Amino acid sequence: MRASGIILAAGRGERFGGDKIFAELGGSPVLLHSVRAFLAAEVVEELIVVARPGMEFRVAALLQDLDFPVRVVTGGPRRRDSSLAGVEVAQGEYVLIHDAARPLVGAELIRRVLRAAEEHGAAVPVLPVVDTLRYAENGFLKPETLPRSGLVAIQTPQGFRRDLLLPALRASEENLPDDAAALLVRGIPVAVVPGDPRNLKITFPEDLTLAAVLLQIRGH
């Protein structure tokens, strides 16, 4: 099998105030948008959805009408645990790991990440940071300005050769901000590809409103 898609849907959504993957976006649950994007990309031969403990049946019910191999597995308390749960059961030579909270991911971005992962072994989509960045302490700005040159914001999906990522995740004792970190801390290079500014992450309720506007624009 060439590639597996792994969609992480095990977060608790504390800042959102509930299970955001079930929130309605354009008439469908947030989770289904990511699933449909992977199907539209036509580059994965299986999908694995990592669900929060206790939500497996509810997630499976959302996916039951898909004419495509989808497996629901149970995630863990940390991102690393959920990623590992998905990668361990994946059958593909390559794995594409995506946050379910990014429902506007495009099929072309998915294909772009996979092509780069096939070439380099690991790849992530990034956007250049355009805002001024400073540290804040005790409610006030510190004078130091962080240089923006070369600074990027990282998105998902992140693509890897499974045989590179799996041992790195197994060896990681600490929590990870993303899956690329499991390789980077071991000196394994990770390539970058252009991300998509529309591929926003839903963290707060107002993000869902913005996503709905972007979805409507994209549909016209």
C-alpha atoms as a PDB file:
ATOM      1  CA  MET A   1       0.000   0.000   0.000  1.00  0.00           C
ATOM      2  CA  ARG A   2       1.420   3.370  -1.023  1.00  0.00           C
ATOM      3  CA  ALA A   3      -0.097   5.805   1.475  1.00  0.00           C
ATOM      4  CA  SER A   4      -2.434   5.968   4.462  1.00  0.00           C
ATOM      5  CA  GLY A   5      -4.299   9.014   5.682  1.00  0.00           C
ATOM      6  CA  ILE A   6      -4.507   9.486   9.455  1.00  0.00           C
ATOM      7  CA  ILE A   7      -6.938  12.084  10.777  1.00  0.00           C
ATOM      8  CA  LEU A   8      -6.474  13.042  14.416  1.00  0.00           C
ATOM      9  CA  ALA A   9      -9.846  13.678  16.079  1.00  0.00           C
ATOM     10  CA  ALA A  10      -8.994  12.863  19.697  1.00  0.00           C
ATOM     11  CA  GLY A  11      -8.660  16.378  21.095  1.00  0.00           C
ATOM     12  CA  ARG A  12     -10.926  17.529  23.911  1.00  0.00           C
ATOM     13  CA  GLY A  13     -11.680  20.931  22.361  1.00  0.00           C
ATOM     14  CA  GLU A  14     -11.380  22.766  25.690  1.00  0.00           C
ATOM     15  CA  ARG A  15     -10.727  26.189  24.153  1.00  0.00           C
ATOM     16  CA  PHE A  16     -13.555  25.630  21.681  1.00  0.00           C
ATOM     17  CA  GLY A  17     -15.945  24.665  24.464  1.00  0.00           C
ATOM     18  CA  GLY A  18     -16.936  21.235  23.162  1.00  0.00           C
ATOM     19  CA  ASP A  19     -16.310  18.560  20.563  1.00  0.00           C
ATOM     20  CA  LYS A  20     -15.488  20.746  17.583  1.00  0.00           C
ATOM     21  CA  ILE A  21     -15.163  17.808  15.202  1.00  0.00           C
ATOM     22  CA  PHE A  22     -18.940  17.344  15.441  1.00  0.00           C
ATOM     23  CA  ALA A  23     -19.736  21.049  15.043  1.00  0.00           C
ATOM     24  CA  GLU A  24     -21.636  21.869  11.872  1.00  0.00           C
ATOM     25  CA  LEU A  25     -19.765  23.582   9.072  1.00  0.00           C
ATOM     26  CA  GLY A  26     -21.575  24.141   5.801  1.00  0.00           C
ATOM     27  CA  GLY A  27     -24.156  21.506   6.649  1.00  0.00           C
ATOM     28  CA  SER A  28     -21.677  18.765   7.629  1.00  0.00           C
ATOM     29  CA  PRO A  29     -19.668  17.953  10.757  1.00  0.00           C
ATOM     30  CA  VAL A  30     -16.169  19.436  10.793  1.00  0.00           C
ATOM     31  CA  LEU A  31     -14.588  15.980  10.705  1.00  0.00           C
ATOM     32  CA  LEU A  32     -16.285  15.028   7.442  1.00  0.00           C
ATOM     33  CA  HIS A  33     -14.711  17.945   5.586  1.00  0.00           C
ATOM     34  CA  SER A  34     -11.202  16.592   6.204  1.00  0.00           C
ATOM     35  CA  VAL A  35     -12.296  13.072   5.285  1.00  0.00           C
ATOM     36  CA  ARG A  36     -13.796  14.261   2.001  1.00  0.00           C
ATOM     37  CA  ALA A  37     -10.653  16.233   1.158  1.00  0.00           C
ATOM     38  CA  PHE A  38      -8.541  13.093   1.496  1.00  0.00           C
ATOM     39  CA  LEU A  39     -10.956  11.173  -0.696  1.00  0.00           C
ATOM     40  CA  ALA A  40     -10.850  13.938  -3.305  1.00  0.00           C
ATOM     41  CA  ALA A  41      -7.041  13.910  -3.325  1.00  0.00           C
ATOM     42  CA  GLU A  42      -7.104  10.259  -4.466  1.00  0.00           C
ATOM     43  CA  VAL A  43      -3.648   9.465  -3.084  1.00  0.00           C
ATOM     44  CA  VAL A  44      -4.416   7.358   0.002  1.00  0.00           C
ATOM     45  CA  GLU A  45      -5.691   3.807  -0.020  1.00  0.00           C
ATOM     46  CA  GLU A  46      -7.023   3.813   3.522  1.00  0.00           C
ATOM     47  CA  LEU A  47      -8.140   6.310   6.127  1.00  0.00           C
ATOM     48  CA  ILE A  48      -7.628   5.976   9.866  1.00  0.00           C
ATOM     49  CA  VAL A  49      -9.524   8.302  12.188  1.00  0.00           C
ATOM     50  CA  VAL A  50      -8.150   8.543  15.720  1.00  0.00           C
ATOM     51  CA  ALA A  51     -11.013   9.252  18.121  1.00  0.00           C
ATOM     52  CA  ARG A  52     -11.134  10.343  21.731  1.00  0.00           C
ATOM     53  CA  PRO A  53     -11.799   7.480  24.168  1.00  0.00           C
ATOM     54  CA  GLY A  54     -15.535   6.994  24.477  1.00  0.00           C
ATOM     55  CA  MET A  55     -16.293   8.710  21.152  1.00  0.00           C
ATOM     56  CA  GLU A  56     -15.322   5.861  18.836  1.00  0.00           C
ATOM     57  CA  PHE A  57     -18.881   4.763  18.023  1.00  0.00           C
ATOM     58  CA  ARG A  58     -20.063   8.309  17.395  1.00  0.00           C
ATOM     59  CA  VAL A  59     -17.163   8.898  15.001  1.00  0.00           C
ATOM     60  CA  ALA A  60     -17.761   5.571  13.270  1.00  0.00           C
ATOM     61  CA  ALA A  61     -21.422   6.506  12.781  1.00  0.00           C
ATOM     62  CA  LEU A  62     -20.367   9.620  10.855  1.00  0.00           C
ATOM     63  CA  LEU A  63     -18.242   7.537   8.517  1.00  0.00           C
ATOM     64  CA  GLN A  64     -20.426   4.492   7.993  1.00  0.00           C
ATOM     65  CA  ASP A  65     -21.809   5.570   4.610  1.00  0.00           C
ATOM     66  CA  LEU A  66     -18.417   6.138   2.985  1.00  0.00           C
ATOM     67  CA  ASP A  67     -17.533   3.753   0.181  1.00  0.00           C
ATOM     68  CA  PHE A  68     -13.890   3.697   1.255  1.00  0.00           C
ATOM     69  CA  PRO A  69     -11.783   1.773   3.781  1.00  0.00           C
ATOM     70  CA  VAL A  70     -11.952   3.732   7.051  1.00  0.00           C
ATOM     71  CA  ARG A  71     -10.835   2.485  10.437  1.00  0.00           C
ATOM     72  CA  VAL A  72     -11.543   4.183  13.758  1.00  0.00           C
ATOM     73  CA  VAL A  73      -8.967   3.701  16.515  1.00  0.00           C
ATOM     74  CA  THR A  74      -8.712   5.085  20.036  1.00  0.00           C
ATOM     75  CA  GLY A  75      -6.336   7.954  20.747  1.00  0.00           C
ATOM     76  CA  GLY A  76      -4.542   8.901  23.923  1.00  0.00           C
ATOM     77  CA  PRO A  77      -4.139  11.876  26.240  1.00  0.00           C
ATOM     78  CA  ARG A  78      -1.286  13.432  24.234  1.00  0.00           C
ATOM     79  CA  ARG A  79      -0.879  14.187  20.543  1.00  0.00           C
ATOM     80  CA  ARG A  80       2.059  11.791  20.393  1.00  0.00           C
ATOM     81  CA  ASP A  81      -0.125   8.985  21.766  1.00  0.00           C
ATOM     82  CA  SER A  82      -2.864   9.593  19.202  1.00  0.00           C
ATOM     83  CA  SER A  83      -0.426   9.819  16.303  1.00  0.00           C
ATOM     84  CA  LEU A  84       1.255   6.615  17.416  1.00  0.00           C
ATOM     85  CA  ALA A  85      -2.102   4.829  17.629  1.00  0.00           C
ATOM     86  CA  GLY A  86      -2.808   5.742  14.017  1.00  0.00           C
ATOM     87  CA  VAL A  87       0.648   5.048  12.611  1.00  0.00           C
ATOM     88  CA  GLU A  88       0.864   1.638  14.299  1.00  0.00           C
ATOM     89  CA  VAL A  89      -2.182   0.322  12.431  1.00  0.00           C
ATOM     90  CA  ALA A  90      -1.467   2.074   9.123  1.00  0.00           C
ATOM     91  CA  GLN A  91      -0.557  -0.174   6.228  1.00  0.00           C
ATOM     92  CA  GLY A  92       0.901   2.417   3.862  1.00  0.00           C
ATOM     93  CA  GLU A  93       4.560   2.967   3.084  1.00  0.00           C
ATOM     94  CA  TYR A  94       3.805   6.638   3.687  1.00  0.00           C
ATOM     95  CA  VAL A  95       1.501   8.229   6.233  1.00  0.00           C
ATOM     96  CA  LEU A  96      -0.201  11.610   6.020  1.00  0.00           C
ATOM     97  CA  ILE A  97      -1.228  12.854   9.470  1.00  0.00           C
ATOM     98  CA  HIS A  98      -3.835  15.601   9.577  1.00  0.00           C
ATOM     99  CA  ASP A  99      -5.640  17.517  12.320  1.00  0.00           C
ATOM    100  CA  ALA A 100      -9.402  17.101  12.043  1.00  0.00           C
ATOM    101  CA  ALA A 101      -9.611  20.715  13.286  1.00  0.00           C
ATOM    102  CA  ARG A 102      -8.339  21.862   9.860  1.00  0.00           C
ATOM    103  CA  PRO A 103     -11.475  21.128   7.800  1.00  0.00           C
ATOM    104  CA  LEU A 104     -10.602  23.354   4.822  1.00  0.00           C
ATOM    105  CA  VAL A 105      -7.518  21.421   3.761  1.00  0.00           C
ATOM    106  CA  GLY A 106      -7.388  21.182  -0.014  1.00  0.00           C
ATOM    107  CA  ALA A 107      -6.788  18.080  -2.114  1.00  0.00           C
ATOM    108  CA  GLU A 108      -3.844  19.718  -3.879  1.00  0.00           C
ATOM    109  CA  LEU A 109      -2.113  20.456  -0.566  1.00  0.00           C
ATOM    110  CA  ILE A 110      -2.502  16.799   0.430  1.00  0.00           C
ATOM    111  CA  ARG A 111      -0.952  15.701  -2.860  1.00  0.00           C
ATOM    112  CA  ARG A 112       1.850  18.266  -2.533  1.00  0.00           C
ATOM    113  CA  VAL A 113       2.840  17.020   0.913  1.00  0.00           C
ATOM    114  CA  LEU A 114       2.849  13.392  -0.199  1.00  0.00           C
ATOM    115  CA  ARG A 115       5.045  14.130  -3.222  1.00  0.00           C
ATOM    116  CA  ALA A 116       7.581  15.890  -0.995  1.00  0.00           C
ATOM    117  CA  ALA A 117       7.488  13.063   1.568  1.00  0.00           C
ATOM    118  CA  GLU A 118       8.194  10.556  -1.194  1.00  0.00           C
ATOM    119  CA  GLU A 119      11.165  12.639  -2.313  1.00  0.00           C
ATOM    120  CA  HIS A 120      12.628  13.546   1.085  1.00  0.00           C
ATOM    121  CA  GLY A 121      11.185  11.041   3.566  1.00  0.00           C
ATOM    122  CA  ALA A 122       9.335  13.693   5.576  1.00  0.00           C
ATOM    123  CA  ALA A 123       7.573  16.931   4.682  1.00  0.00           C
ATOM    124  CA  VAL A 124       5.252  19.523   6.220  1.00  0.00           C
ATOM    125  CA  PRO A 125       3.330  22.498   4.794  1.00  0.00           C
ATOM    126  CA  VAL A 126       4.320  25.926   6.109  1.00  0.00           C
ATOM    127  CA  LEU A 127       3.362  29.574   5.804  1.00  0.00           C
ATOM    128  CA  PRO A 128       5.822  32.449   6.293  1.00  0.00           C
ATOM    129  CA  VAL A 129       5.213  34.471   9.439  1.00  0.00           C
ATOM    130  CA  VAL A 130       4.225  38.021   8.481  1.00  0.00           C
ATOM    131  CA  ASP A 131       3.255  39.505  11.862  1.00  0.00           C
ATOM    132  CA  THR A 132       5.666  41.238  14.217  1.00  0.00           C
ATOM    133  CA  LEU A 133       6.579  38.838  17.021  1.00  0.00           C
ATOM    134  CA  ARG A 134       7.586  39.809  20.542  1.00  0.00           C
ATOM    135  CA  TYR A 135       7.637  38.179  23.945  1.00  0.00           C
ATOM    136  CA  ALA A 136       5.207  39.406  26.585  1.00  0.00           C
ATOM    137  CA  GLU A 137       5.753  39.115  30.318  1.00  0.00           C
ATOM    138  CA  ASN A 138       3.494  40.103  33.228  1.00  0.00           C
ATOM    139  CA  GLY A 139       1.097  41.863  30.877  1.00  0.00           C
ATOM    140  CA  PHE A 140       3.707  43.988  29.067  1.00  0.00           C
ATOM    141  CA  LEU A 141       5.737  43.647  25.892  1.00  0.00           C
ATOM    142  CA  LYS A 142       9.441  42.916  26.156  1.00  0.00           C
ATOM    143  CA  PRO A 143      11.666  45.097  23.939  1.00  0.00           C
ATOM    144  CA  GLU A 144      13.203  42.266  21.937  1.00  0.00           C
ATOM    145  CA  THR A 145      11.730  41.698  18.468  1.00  0.00           C
ATOM    146  CA  LEU A 146      12.028  38.210  17.031  1.00  0.00           C
ATOM    147  CA  PRO A 147      13.424  38.189  13.479  1.00  0.00           C
ATOM    148  CA  ARG A 148      10.818  36.949  11.001  1.00  0.00           C
ATOM    149  CA  SER A 149      13.275  35.913   8.312  1.00  0.00           C
ATOM    150  CA  GLY A 150      12.957  32.147   7.908  1.00  0.00           C
ATOM    151  CA  LEU A 151      10.255  31.876  10.576  1.00  0.00           C
ATOM    152  CA  VAL A 152       7.291  29.762   9.495  1.00  0.00           C
ATOM    153  CA  ALA A 153       3.949  28.573  10.832  1.00  0.00           C
ATOM    154  CA  ILE A 154       3.428  24.829  10.429  1.00  0.00           C
ATOM    155  CA  GLN A 155       0.234  23.226   9.169  1.00  0.00           C
ATOM    156  CA  THR A 156      -1.029  19.724   8.518  1.00  0.00           C
ATOM    157  CA  PRO A 157      -1.170  17.259   6.852  1.00  0.00           C
ATOM    158  CA  GLN A 158       2.369  16.201   7.619  1.00  0.00           C
ATOM    159  CA  GLY A 159       3.765  13.385   5.514  1.00  0.00           C
ATOM    160  CA  PHE A 160       6.341  10.763   6.436  1.00  0.00           C
ATOM    161  CA  ARG A 161       7.811   7.470   5.446  1.00  0.00           C
ATOM    162  CA  ARG A 162       6.176   5.211   7.980  1.00  0.00           C
ATOM    163  CA  ASP A 163       9.414   3.389   8.779  1.00  0.00           C
ATOM    164  CA  LEU A 164      10.981   6.739   9.771  1.00  0.00           C
ATOM    165  CA  LEU A 165       8.135   8.051  11.875  1.00  0.00           C
ATOM    166  CA  LEU A 166       7.018   4.944  13.734  1.00  0.00           C
ATOM    167  CA  PRO A 167      10.246   4.297  15.686  1.00  0.00           C
ATOM    168  CA  ALA A 168      10.616   8.023  16.382  1.00  0.00           C
ATOM    169  CA  LEU A 169       7.138   8.204  17.906  1.00  0.00           C
ATOM    170  CA  ARG A 170       7.720   5.044  19.928  1.00  0.00           C
ATOM    171  CA  ALA A 171      10.940   6.486  21.329  1.00  0.00           C
ATOM    172  CA  SER A 172       9.383   9.848  22.263  1.00  0.00           C
ATOM    173  CA  GLU A 173       8.649  10.063  25.952  1.00  0.00           C
ATOM    174  CA  GLU A 174       7.666  13.726  25.934  1.00  0.00           C
ATOM    175  CA  ASN A 175       4.606  15.291  24.365  1.00  0.00           C
ATOM    176  CA  LEU A 176       5.178  16.702  20.890  1.00  0.00           C
ATOM    177  CA  PRO A 177       3.847  19.929  19.359  1.00  0.00           C
ATOM    178  CA  ASP A 178       3.543  18.132  16.038  1.00  0.00           C
ATOM    179  CA  ASP A 179       4.710  14.920  14.408  1.00  0.00           C
ATOM    180  CA  ALA A 180       7.687  16.447  12.641  1.00  0.00           C
ATOM    181  CA  ALA A 181       9.189  17.149  16.069  1.00  0.00           C
ATOM    182  CA  ALA A 182       9.663  13.405  16.632  1.00  0.00           C
ATOM    183  CA  LEU A 183      12.119  13.356  13.730  1.00  0.00           C
ATOM    184  CA  LEU A 184      13.709  16.761  14.243  1.00  0.00           C
ATOM    185  CA  VAL A 185      14.827  15.991  17.813  1.00  0.00           C
ATOM    186  CA  ARG A 186      16.677  13.000  16.372  1.00  0.00           C
ATOM    187  CA  GLY A 187      18.411  14.975  13.648  1.00  0.00           C
ATOM    188  CA  ILE A 188      16.256  13.641  10.807  1.00  0.00           C
ATOM    189  CA  PRO A 189      15.577  16.392   8.239  1.00  0.00           C
ATOM    190  CA  VAL A 190      12.031  17.432   7.387  1.00  0.00           C
ATOM    191  CA  ALA A 191      11.311  19.216   4.106  1.00  0.00           C
ATOM    192  CA  VAL A 192       8.846  22.092   3.766  1.00  0.00           C
ATOM    193  CA  VAL A 193       6.281  22.794   1.070  1.00  0.00           C
ATOM    194  CA  PRO A 194       4.054  25.856   0.612  1.00  0.00           C
ATOM    195  CA  GLY A 195       1.006  25.706   2.861  1.00  0.00           C
ATOM    196  CA  ASP A 196      -2.406  27.224   2.274  1.00  0.00           C
ATOM    197  CA  PRO A 197      -3.652  30.272   4.218  1.00  0.00           C
ATOM    198  CA  ARG A 198      -7.217  28.903   3.928  1.00  0.00           C
ATOM    199  CA  ASN A 199      -6.151  25.776   5.819  1.00  0.00           C
ATOM    200  CA  LEU A 200      -6.948  27.373   9.170  1.00  0.00           C
ATOM    201  CA  LYS A 201      -7.197  25.505  12.445  1.00  0.00           C
ATOM    202  CA  ILE A 202     -10.440  25.752  14.383  1.00  0.00           C
ATOM    203  CA  THR A 203      -9.498  26.504  17.985  1.00  0.00           C
ATOM    204  CA  PHE A 204     -12.123  28.987  19.169  1.00  0.00           C
ATOM    205  CA  PRO A 205     -15.843  29.258  18.254  1.00  0.00           C
ATOM    206  CA  GLU A 206     -15.202  32.348  16.113  1.00  0.00           C
ATOM    207  CA  ASP A 207     -12.834  30.287  13.952  1.00  0.00           C
ATOM    208  CA  LEU A 208     -15.833  28.226  12.878  1.00  0.00           C
ATOM    209  CA  THR A 209     -17.551  31.385  11.670  1.00  0.00           C
ATOM    210  CA  LEU A 210     -14.497  32.325   9.600  1.00  0.00           C
ATOM    211  CA  ALA A 211     -14.272  28.798   8.205  1.00  0.00           C
ATOM    212  CA  ALA A 212     -17.907  28.989   7.111  1.00  0.00           C
ATOM    213  CA  VAL A 213     -17.192  32.206   5.191  1.00  0.00           C
ATOM    214  CA  LEU A 214     -14.126  30.700   3.514  1.00  0.00           C
ATOM    215  CA  LEU A 215     -16.067  27.570   2.642  1.00  0.00           C
ATOM    216  CA  GLN A 216     -18.794  29.653   1.029  1.00  0.00           C
ATOM    217  CA  ILE A 217     -16.239  31.633  -0.984  1.00  0.00           C
ATOM    218  CA  ARG A 218     -14.524  28.454  -2.132  1.00  0.00           C
ATOM    219  CA  GLY A 219     -17.853  27.022  -3.251  1.00  0.00           C
ATOM    220  CA  HIS A 220     -18.445  29.859  -5.719  1.00  0.00           C
END
